[in-house]
N, C-alpha and C. Protein backbone atom coordinates (compact mmCIF):
# COMPACT_ATOMS: atom_id res chain seq x y z
N MET A 1 -19.11 21.45 -2.29
CA MET A 1 -19.21 20.16 -3.01
C MET A 1 -19.55 19.08 -2.01
N LYS A 2 -20.51 18.24 -2.38
CA LYS A 2 -20.76 17.10 -1.57
C LYS A 2 -20.09 15.87 -2.14
N THR A 3 -19.45 14.98 -1.28
CA THR A 3 -18.92 13.82 -1.71
C THR A 3 -19.60 12.62 -1.27
N ASN A 4 -19.80 11.69 -2.06
CA ASN A 4 -20.50 10.42 -1.66
C ASN A 4 -19.51 9.46 -1.01
N LYS A 5 -20.02 8.93 0.06
CA LYS A 5 -19.17 7.83 0.75
C LYS A 5 -19.34 6.53 0.16
N ILE A 6 -18.37 5.84 -0.29
CA ILE A 6 -18.39 4.52 -0.79
C ILE A 6 -18.40 3.43 0.36
N GLU A 7 -19.22 2.59 0.37
CA GLU A 7 -19.24 1.54 1.39
C GLU A 7 -18.37 0.48 0.77
N LEU A 8 -17.42 -0.16 1.46
CA LEU A 8 -16.59 -1.19 1.05
C LEU A 8 -16.58 -2.40 1.81
N ASP A 9 -16.97 -3.56 1.26
CA ASP A 9 -17.00 -4.81 1.96
C ASP A 9 -15.71 -5.27 2.28
N MET A 10 -15.50 -5.34 3.69
CA MET A 10 -14.24 -5.69 4.16
C MET A 10 -14.19 -7.00 4.72
N SER A 11 -15.13 -7.91 4.50
CA SER A 11 -15.25 -9.26 5.02
C SER A 11 -14.23 -10.18 4.41
N SER A 12 -13.79 -11.06 5.11
CA SER A 12 -12.81 -11.93 4.45
C SER A 12 -13.03 -12.62 3.20
N GLU A 13 -14.26 -12.98 2.91
CA GLU A 13 -14.72 -13.43 1.64
C GLU A 13 -14.52 -12.49 0.58
N ALA A 14 -14.94 -11.18 0.90
CA ALA A 14 -14.78 -10.16 -0.22
C ALA A 14 -13.33 -9.84 -0.51
N ILE A 15 -12.56 -9.71 0.46
CA ILE A 15 -11.12 -9.52 0.34
C ILE A 15 -10.46 -10.65 -0.45
N ALA A 16 -10.77 -11.85 -0.21
CA ALA A 16 -10.18 -12.99 -0.82
C ALA A 16 -10.63 -12.88 -2.38
N LEU A 17 -11.85 -12.55 -2.64
CA LEU A 17 -12.33 -12.42 -3.98
C LEU A 17 -11.47 -11.28 -4.80
N ARG A 18 -11.37 -10.14 -4.06
CA ARG A 18 -10.55 -9.12 -4.78
C ARG A 18 -9.17 -9.47 -5.06
N LEU A 19 -8.45 -10.21 -4.03
CA LEU A 19 -7.21 -10.69 -4.20
C LEU A 19 -7.06 -11.66 -5.44
N GLN A 20 -8.02 -12.54 -5.56
CA GLN A 20 -8.03 -13.52 -6.58
C GLN A 20 -8.12 -12.80 -7.84
N THR A 21 -9.07 -11.90 -7.99
CA THR A 21 -9.33 -11.20 -9.27
C THR A 21 -8.05 -10.34 -9.59
N VAL A 22 -7.30 -9.76 -8.59
CA VAL A 22 -6.09 -9.09 -8.95
C VAL A 22 -5.02 -9.89 -9.44
N SER A 23 -5.02 -11.20 -8.89
CA SER A 23 -3.93 -12.15 -9.24
C SER A 23 -4.29 -12.64 -10.72
N GLU A 24 -5.55 -12.95 -11.07
CA GLU A 24 -5.84 -13.29 -12.40
C GLU A 24 -5.53 -12.11 -13.34
N LEU A 25 -5.82 -10.99 -13.02
CA LEU A 25 -5.53 -9.78 -14.02
C LEU A 25 -4.06 -9.75 -14.18
N ARG A 26 -3.25 -9.89 -13.13
CA ARG A 26 -1.86 -9.66 -13.26
C ARG A 26 -1.32 -10.84 -14.11
N ARG A 27 -1.78 -12.14 -13.99
CA ARG A 27 -1.31 -13.15 -14.82
C ARG A 27 -1.70 -12.93 -16.25
N THR A 28 -2.95 -12.43 -16.52
CA THR A 28 -3.24 -12.15 -17.91
C THR A 28 -2.48 -11.05 -18.53
N THR A 29 -2.17 -10.02 -17.82
CA THR A 29 -1.49 -8.87 -18.17
C THR A 29 0.04 -9.37 -18.60
N LEU A 30 0.61 -10.18 -17.67
CA LEU A 30 1.99 -10.69 -18.03
C LEU A 30 1.99 -11.71 -19.21
N THR A 31 0.92 -12.47 -19.44
CA THR A 31 0.85 -13.31 -20.55
C THR A 31 0.78 -12.51 -21.81
N LEU A 32 -0.02 -11.41 -21.86
CA LEU A 32 -0.15 -10.59 -23.01
C LEU A 32 1.24 -9.86 -23.29
N ALA A 33 1.94 -9.38 -22.24
CA ALA A 33 3.19 -8.80 -22.33
C ALA A 33 4.30 -9.69 -22.90
N LYS A 34 4.17 -10.96 -22.70
CA LYS A 34 5.08 -12.00 -23.28
C LYS A 34 4.84 -12.41 -24.71
N SER A 35 3.77 -12.01 -25.10
CA SER A 35 3.31 -12.45 -26.52
C SER A 35 4.24 -11.93 -27.60
N ASP A 36 4.21 -12.56 -28.73
CA ASP A 36 5.07 -12.27 -29.86
C ASP A 36 4.73 -10.76 -30.31
N VAL A 37 3.50 -10.39 -30.32
CA VAL A 37 3.16 -9.06 -30.82
C VAL A 37 3.76 -7.93 -29.72
N ALA A 38 3.74 -8.32 -28.59
CA ALA A 38 4.25 -7.25 -27.61
C ALA A 38 5.73 -7.20 -27.65
N ARG A 39 6.36 -8.40 -27.89
CA ARG A 39 7.85 -8.49 -28.05
C ARG A 39 8.23 -7.47 -29.37
N ALA A 40 7.46 -7.67 -30.51
CA ALA A 40 7.74 -6.90 -31.57
C ALA A 40 7.51 -5.43 -31.42
N ILE A 41 6.55 -5.03 -30.68
CA ILE A 41 6.37 -3.65 -30.31
C ILE A 41 7.56 -3.15 -29.56
N ARG A 42 7.97 -3.90 -28.45
CA ARG A 42 9.19 -3.50 -27.66
C ARG A 42 10.40 -3.30 -28.54
N LYS A 43 10.59 -4.20 -29.43
CA LYS A 43 11.72 -4.13 -30.26
C LYS A 43 11.63 -2.95 -31.26
N LYS A 44 10.42 -2.64 -31.84
CA LYS A 44 10.32 -1.62 -32.71
C LYS A 44 10.49 -0.21 -31.91
N ASN A 45 10.06 -0.15 -30.60
CA ASN A 45 10.05 1.14 -29.91
C ASN A 45 10.79 0.97 -28.61
N PRO A 46 12.23 0.73 -28.70
CA PRO A 46 13.00 0.37 -27.50
C PRO A 46 13.23 1.58 -26.68
N ASN A 47 12.96 2.78 -27.13
CA ASN A 47 13.24 3.94 -26.15
C ASN A 47 11.98 4.47 -25.54
N ASN A 48 10.73 3.68 -25.89
CA ASN A 48 9.50 4.05 -25.23
C ASN A 48 9.46 3.69 -23.75
N PRO A 49 9.22 4.60 -22.87
CA PRO A 49 9.35 4.33 -21.47
C PRO A 49 8.45 3.15 -21.12
N ILE A 50 7.38 2.99 -21.71
CA ILE A 50 6.48 1.74 -21.35
C ILE A 50 7.11 0.48 -21.80
N SER A 51 7.72 0.49 -22.98
CA SER A 51 8.40 -0.59 -23.43
C SER A 51 9.58 -1.02 -22.52
N LYS A 52 10.35 0.03 -22.11
CA LYS A 52 11.34 -0.28 -21.16
C LYS A 52 10.85 -0.88 -19.77
N ARG A 53 9.73 -0.36 -19.30
CA ARG A 53 9.15 -0.74 -17.99
C ARG A 53 8.62 -2.28 -18.14
N VAL A 54 8.16 -2.61 -19.18
CA VAL A 54 7.57 -3.96 -19.41
C VAL A 54 8.79 -4.83 -19.54
N ALA A 55 9.78 -4.45 -20.34
CA ALA A 55 11.02 -5.26 -20.44
C ALA A 55 11.71 -5.51 -19.14
N LEU A 56 11.78 -4.41 -18.28
CA LEU A 56 12.26 -4.71 -17.08
C LEU A 56 11.40 -5.57 -16.15
N ALA A 57 10.18 -5.50 -16.19
CA ALA A 57 9.27 -6.25 -15.36
C ALA A 57 9.39 -7.62 -15.81
N LEU A 58 9.74 -8.15 -17.17
CA LEU A 58 9.75 -9.39 -17.63
C LEU A 58 11.15 -9.98 -17.42
N GLY A 59 12.05 -9.08 -17.03
CA GLY A 59 13.46 -9.56 -16.88
C GLY A 59 14.25 -9.58 -18.15
N GLU A 60 13.79 -8.93 -19.14
CA GLU A 60 14.38 -8.86 -20.44
C GLU A 60 15.64 -7.87 -20.25
N ILE A 61 15.54 -6.90 -19.52
CA ILE A 61 16.76 -5.89 -19.22
C ILE A 61 16.94 -5.82 -17.80
N SER A 62 18.13 -5.31 -17.48
CA SER A 62 18.42 -4.92 -16.07
C SER A 62 18.12 -3.46 -15.88
N PRO A 63 18.03 -3.05 -14.68
CA PRO A 63 17.81 -1.63 -14.40
C PRO A 63 18.87 -0.84 -14.97
N GLY A 64 18.61 0.14 -15.65
CA GLY A 64 19.57 1.03 -16.25
C GLY A 64 20.10 0.66 -17.70
N GLU A 65 19.76 -0.51 -18.03
CA GLU A 65 20.14 -1.19 -19.39
C GLU A 65 19.14 -0.66 -20.38
N GLU A 66 19.69 -0.58 -21.60
CA GLU A 66 18.86 -0.21 -22.74
C GLU A 66 18.46 -1.54 -23.56
N LEU A 67 17.36 -1.52 -24.18
CA LEU A 67 16.93 -2.74 -24.98
C LEU A 67 17.91 -2.91 -26.24
């Protein structure tokens, strides 16, 4: 099986752009997670592992605590 080698731009400009993109994506994701719809979903499905992980990331619950 032949694998293709990916060329990755490691210049400081490219790294800075990737870091900025990741930061924007994180901010957008957290904004969506804090929305009323997301809160309603977490309230409706408190035992869902993803709901618990999001609530923990947002500080709505402490580690080991239930919703």
